[in-house]
PDB file of all heavy atoms in Angstrom:
ATOM      1  N   VAL A   1      34.046  22.219 -17.643  1.00  0.00           N
ATOM      2  CA  VAL A   1      34.033  20.784 -17.872  1.00  0.00           C
ATOM      3  C   VAL A   1      35.262  20.208 -18.243  1.00  0.00           C
ATOM      4  O   VAL A   1      35.871  19.234 -17.725  1.00  0.00           O
ATOM      5  CB  VAL A   1      32.959  20.442 -19.011  1.00  0.00           C
ATOM      6  CG1 VAL A   1      33.083  18.932 -19.373  1.00  0.00           C
ATOM      7  CG2 VAL A   1      31.529  20.733 -18.504  1.00  0.00           C
ATOM      8  N   ASN A   2      36.082  20.921 -19.188  1.00  0.00           N
ATOM      9  CA  ASN A   2      37.286  20.530 -19.575  1.00  0.00           C
ATOM     10  C   ASN A   2      38.248  20.363 -18.447  1.00  0.00           C
ATOM     11  O   ASN A   2      39.053  19.359 -18.414  1.00  0.00           O
ATOM     12  CB  ASN A   2      37.883  21.583 -20.690  1.00  0.00           C
ATOM     13  CG  ASN A   2      39.133  21.130 -21.318  1.00  0.00           C
ATOM     14  OD1 ASN A   2      40.206  21.340 -20.809  1.00  0.00           O
ATOM     15  ND2 ASN A   2      38.933  20.514 -22.568  1.00  0.00           N
ATOM     16  N   LYS A   3      38.393  21.395 -17.645  1.00  0.00           N
ATOM     17  CA  LYS A   3      39.351  21.260 -16.517  1.00  0.00           C
ATOM     18  C   LYS A   3      38.988  20.268 -15.352  1.00  0.00           C
ATOM     19  O   LYS A   3      39.799  19.672 -14.738  1.00  0.00           O
ATOM     20  CB  LYS A   3      39.522  22.750 -15.889  1.00  0.00           C
ATOM     21  CG  LYS A   3      40.042  23.716 -16.905  1.00  0.00           C
ATOM     22  CD  LYS A   3      41.353  23.150 -17.694  1.00  0.00           C
ATOM     23  CE  LYS A   3      41.836  24.134 -18.779  1.00  0.00           C
ATOM     24  NZ  LYS A   3      42.837  23.543 -19.550  1.00  0.00           N
ATOM     25  N   SER A   4      37.728  20.004 -15.316  1.00  0.00           N
ATOM     26  CA  SER A   4      37.267  18.967 -14.355  1.00  0.00           C
ATOM     27  C   SER A   4      37.647  17.575 -14.871  1.00  0.00           C
ATOM     28  O   SER A   4      38.080  16.746 -14.094  1.00  0.00           O
ATOM     29  CB  SER A   4      35.668  18.935 -14.146  1.00  0.00           C
ATOM     30  OG  SER A   4      34.986  18.463 -15.261  1.00  0.00           O
ATOM     31  N   LEU A   5      37.643  17.345 -16.161  1.00  0.00           N
ATOM     32  CA  LEU A   5      38.130  16.163 -16.685  1.00  0.00           C
ATOM     33  C   LEU A   5      39.645  15.902 -16.624  1.00  0.00           C
ATOM     34  O   LEU A   5      40.247  14.952 -16.268  1.00  0.00           O
ATOM     35  CB  LEU A   5      37.761  15.927 -18.262  1.00  0.00           C
ATOM     36  CG  LEU A   5      36.281  15.922 -18.364  1.00  0.00           C
ATOM     37  CD1 LEU A   5      35.983  15.909 -19.961  1.00  0.00           C
ATOM     38  CD2 LEU A   5      35.587  14.787 -17.669  1.00  0.00           C
ATOM     39  N   VAL A   6      40.343  17.078 -16.875  1.00  0.00           N
ATOM     40  CA  VAL A   6      41.808  17.092 -16.537  1.00  0.00           C
ATOM     41  C   VAL A   6      42.081  16.603 -15.197  1.00  0.00           C
ATOM     42  O   VAL A   6      42.982  15.827 -14.874  1.00  0.00           O
ATOM     43  CB  VAL A   6      42.458  18.422 -16.902  1.00  0.00           C
ATOM     44  CG1 VAL A   6      43.896  18.507 -16.384  1.00  0.00           C
ATOM     45  CG2 VAL A   6      42.379  18.775 -18.332  1.00  0.00           C
ATOM     46  N   GLN A   7      41.379  17.216 -14.248  1.00  0.00           N
ATOM     47  CA  GLN A   7      41.571  16.945 -12.791  1.00  0.00           C
ATOM     48  C   GLN A   7      41.444  15.445 -12.530  1.00  0.00           C
ATOM     49  O   GLN A   7      42.205  14.803 -11.790  1.00  0.00           O
ATOM     50  CB  GLN A   7      40.613  17.776 -12.026  1.00  0.00           C
ATOM     51  CG  GLN A   7      40.762  17.693 -10.520  1.00  0.00           C
ATOM     52  CD  GLN A   7      39.780  18.616  -9.722  1.00  0.00           C
ATOM     53  OE1 GLN A   7      39.159  19.492 -10.373  1.00  0.00           O
ATOM     54  NE2 GLN A   7      39.865  18.563  -8.433  1.00  0.00           N
ATOM     55  N   LEU A   8      40.251  14.889 -13.075  1.00  0.00           N
ATOM     56  CA  LEU A   8      40.004  13.447 -12.834  1.00  0.00           C
ATOM     57  C   LEU A   8      41.097  12.609 -13.430  1.00  0.00           C
ATOM     58  O   LEU A   8      41.603  11.610 -12.732  1.00  0.00           O
ATOM     59  CB  LEU A   8      38.653  13.147 -13.595  1.00  0.00           C
ATOM     60  CG  LEU A   8      37.486  13.260 -12.717  1.00  0.00           C
ATOM     61  CD1 LEU A   8      36.232  12.956 -13.600  1.00  0.00           C
ATOM     62  CD2 LEU A   8      37.366  12.382 -11.486  1.00  0.00           C
ATOM     63  N   VAL A   9      41.593  12.907 -14.612  1.00  0.00           N
ATOM     64  CA  VAL A   9      42.682  12.162 -15.275  1.00  0.00           C
ATOM     65  C   VAL A   9      43.917  12.228 -14.435  1.00  0.00           C
ATOM     66  O   VAL A   9      44.601  11.092 -14.062  1.00  0.00           O
ATOM     67  CB  VAL A   9      42.921  12.553 -16.679  1.00  0.00           C
ATOM     68  CG1 VAL A   9      44.153  11.974 -17.236  1.00  0.00           C
ATOM     69  CG2 VAL A   9      41.760  12.260 -17.642  1.00  0.00           C
ATOM     70  N   GLU A  10      44.271  13.374 -13.950  1.00  0.00           N
ATOM     71  CA  GLU A  10      45.488  13.501 -13.168  1.00  0.00           C
ATOM     72  C   GLU A  10      45.332  12.856 -11.773  1.00  0.00           C
ATOM     73  O   GLU A  10      46.411  12.412 -11.231  1.00  0.00           O
ATOM     74  CB  GLU A  10      45.903  15.012 -13.088  1.00  0.00           C
ATOM     75  CG  GLU A  10      46.123  15.635 -14.507  1.00  0.00           C
ATOM     76  CD  GLU A  10      47.204  16.717 -14.389  1.00  0.00           C
ATOM     77  OE1 GLU A  10      47.549  17.119 -13.419  1.00  0.00           O
ATOM     78  OE2 GLU A  10      47.563  17.170 -15.524  1.00  0.00           O
ATOM     79  N   GLN A  11      44.241  12.772 -11.266  1.00  0.00           N
ATOM     80  CA  GLN A  11      43.918  11.956 -10.023  1.00  0.00           C
ATOM     81  C   GLN A  11      44.351  10.557 -10.183  1.00  0.00           C
ATOM     82  O   GLN A  11      44.722   9.857  -9.190  1.00  0.00           O
ATOM     83  CB  GLN A  11      42.476  12.115  -9.494  1.00  0.00           C
ATOM     84  CG  GLN A  11      42.190  13.392  -8.920  1.00  0.00           C
ATOM     85  CD  GLN A  11      40.764  13.581  -8.501  1.00  0.00           C
ATOM     86  OE1 GLN A  11      39.918  12.610  -8.840  1.00  0.00           O
ATOM     87  NE2 GLN A  11      40.330  14.732  -7.939  1.00  0.00           N
ATOM     88  N   LEU A  12      44.278  10.037 -11.440  1.00  0.00           N
ATOM     89  CA  LEU A  12      44.557   8.611 -11.644  1.00  0.00           C
ATOM     90  C   LEU A  12      45.945   8.379 -12.200  1.00  0.00           C
ATOM     91  O   LEU A  12      46.323   7.327 -12.651  1.00  0.00           O
ATOM     92  CB  LEU A  12      43.544   8.056 -12.689  1.00  0.00           C
ATOM     93  CG  LEU A  12      42.065   8.002 -12.153  1.00  0.00           C
ATOM     94  CD1 LEU A  12      41.123   7.753 -13.295  1.00  0.00           C
ATOM     95  CD2 LEU A  12      41.894   7.018 -11.056  1.00  0.00           C
ATOM     96  N   GLY A  13      46.815   9.564 -12.048  1.00  0.00           N
ATOM     97  CA  GLY A  13      48.219   9.353 -12.267  1.00  0.00           C
ATOM     98  C   GLY A  13      48.701   9.530 -13.760  1.00  0.00           C
ATOM     99  O   GLY A  13      49.779   9.129 -14.184  1.00  0.00           O
ATOM    100  N   VAL A  14      47.838  10.130 -14.602  1.00  0.00           N
ATOM    101  CA  VAL A  14      48.215  10.401 -15.926  1.00  0.00           C
ATOM    102  C   VAL A  14      48.241  11.948 -16.199  1.00  0.00           C
ATOM    103  O   VAL A  14      47.281  12.603 -15.713  1.00  0.00           O
ATOM    104  CB  VAL A  14      47.339   9.651 -17.029  1.00  0.00           C
ATOM    105  CG1 VAL A  14      47.581  10.196 -18.375  1.00  0.00           C
ATOM    106  CG2 VAL A  14      47.586   8.226 -16.986  1.00  0.00           C
ATOM    107  N   LEU A  15      49.162  12.488 -16.827  1.00  0.00           N
ATOM    108  CA  LEU A  15      49.261  13.971 -16.974  1.00  0.00           C
ATOM    109  C   LEU A  15      48.215  14.314 -18.289  1.00  0.00           C
ATOM    110  O   LEU A  15      48.421  13.677 -19.371  1.00  0.00           O
ATOM    111  CB  LEU A  15      50.605  14.345 -17.315  1.00  0.00           C
ATOM    112  CG  LEU A  15      51.539  14.316 -16.170  1.00  0.00           C
ATOM    113  CD1 LEU A  15      53.043  14.766 -16.604  1.00  0.00           C
ATOM    114  CD2 LEU A  15      51.107  15.284 -15.085  1.00  0.00           C
ATOM    115  N   ALA A  16      47.326  15.157 -18.086  1.00  0.00           N
ATOM    116  CA  ALA A  16      46.445  15.602 -19.124  1.00  0.00           C
ATOM    117  C   ALA A  16      46.654  17.057 -19.370  1.00  0.00           C
ATOM    118  O   ALA A  16      46.989  17.885 -18.564  1.00  0.00           O
ATOM    119  CB  ALA A  16      45.012  15.246 -18.774  1.00  0.00           C
ATOM    120  N   VAL A  17      46.310  17.528 -20.600  1.00  0.00           N
ATOM    121  CA  VAL A  17      46.183  18.920 -21.046  1.00  0.00           C
ATOM    122  C   VAL A  17      44.908  19.284 -21.655  1.00  0.00           C
ATOM    123  O   VAL A  17      44.526  18.564 -22.627  1.00  0.00           O
ATOM    124  CB  VAL A  17      47.394  19.402 -21.946  1.00  0.00           C
ATOM    125  CG1 VAL A  17      47.279  20.784 -22.417  1.00  0.00           C
ATOM    126  CG2 VAL A  17      48.705  19.165 -21.243  1.00  0.00           C
ATOM    127  N   GLY A  18      44.121  20.194 -21.117  1.00  0.00           N
ATOM    128  CA  GLY A  18      42.900  20.545 -21.720  1.00  0.00           C
ATOM    129  C   GLY A  18      43.076  21.761 -22.708  1.00  0.00           C
ATOM    130  O   GLY A  18      43.774  22.764 -22.401  1.00  0.00           O
ATOM    131  N   VAL A  19      42.644  21.577 -23.885  1.00  0.00           N
ATOM    132  CA  VAL A  19      42.601  22.649 -24.812  1.00  0.00           C
ATOM    133  C   VAL A  19      41.227  22.844 -25.414  1.00  0.00           C
ATOM    134  O   VAL A  19      40.418  21.934 -25.369  1.00  0.00           O
ATOM    135  CB  VAL A  19      43.619  22.322 -26.034  1.00  0.00           C
ATOM    136  CG1 VAL A  19      44.958  22.155 -25.492  1.00  0.00           C
ATOM    137  CG2 VAL A  19      43.218  21.101 -26.794  1.00  0.00           C
ATOM    138  N   SER A  20      41.023  24.023 -26.028  1.00  0.00           N
ATOM    139  CA  SER A  20      39.745  24.233 -26.886  1.00  0.00           C
ATOM    140  C   SER A  20      40.246  24.209 -28.286  1.00  0.00           C
ATOM    141  O   SER A  20      41.455  24.290 -28.609  1.00  0.00           O
ATOM    142  CB  SER A  20      39.082  25.504 -26.512  1.00  0.00           C
ATOM    143  OG  SER A  20      39.634  26.658 -27.123  1.00  0.00           O
ATOM    144  N   GLY A  21      39.231  24.174 -29.207  1.00  0.00           N
ATOM    145  CA  GLY A  21      39.658  24.237 -30.658  1.00  0.00           C
ATOM    146  C   GLY A  21      40.205  25.546 -31.040  1.00  0.00           C
ATOM    147  O   GLY A  21      40.799  25.638 -32.153  1.00  0.00           O
ATOM    148  N   LYS A  22      40.210  26.541 -30.138  1.00  0.00           N
ATOM    149  CA  LYS A  22      40.801  27.854 -30.403  1.00  0.00           C
ATOM    150  C   LYS A  22      42.302  27.836 -30.232  1.00  0.00           C
ATOM    151  O   LYS A  22      43.034  28.556 -30.842  1.00  0.00           O
ATOM    152  CB  LYS A  22      40.271  28.992 -29.533  1.00  0.00           C
ATOM    153  CG  LYS A  22      38.745  29.162 -29.729  1.00  0.00           C
ATOM    154  CD  LYS A  22      38.061  29.999 -28.680  1.00  0.00           C
ATOM    155  CE  LYS A  22      38.438  31.394 -28.701  1.00  0.00           C
ATOM    156  NZ  LYS A  22      37.662  32.196 -27.740  1.00  0.00           N
ATOM    157  N   ASP A  23      42.788  26.858 -29.423  1.00  0.00           N
ATOM    158  CA  ASP A  23      44.173  26.738 -29.088  1.00  0.00           C
ATOM    159  C   ASP A  23      45.045  26.193 -30.325  1.00  0.00           C
ATOM    160  O   ASP A  23      44.688  25.101 -30.765  1.00  0.00           O
ATOM    161  CB  ASP A  23      44.482  25.818 -27.882  1.00  0.00           C
ATOM    162  CG  ASP A  23      43.756  26.497 -26.607  1.00  0.00           C
ATOM    163  OD1 ASP A  23      44.005  27.623 -26.399  1.00  0.00           O
ATOM    164  OD2 ASP A  23      43.139  25.772 -25.851  1.00  0.00           O
ATOM    165  N   GLY A  24      46.005  26.925 -30.639  1.00  0.00           N
ATOM    166  CA  GLY A  24      46.910  26.521 -31.738  1.00  0.00           C
ATOM    167  C   GLY A  24      46.143  26.411 -33.071  1.00  0.00           C
ATOM    168  O   GLY A  24      46.708  25.673 -33.895  1.00  0.00           O
ATOM    169  N   GLY A  25      45.045  27.082 -33.248  1.00  0.00           N
ATOM    170  CA  GLY A  25      44.335  26.949 -34.466  1.00  0.00           C
ATOM    171  C   GLY A  25      43.771  25.535 -34.778  1.00  0.00           C
ATOM    172  O   GLY A  25      43.658  25.116 -35.900  1.00  0.00           O
TER     173      GLY A  25
END
């Protein structure tokens, strides 16, 4: 789900980064 949302955002011309709560503590 996370990466599908990243994909949608980037299709609209904005750079997105998907993370989980595990990333970077």
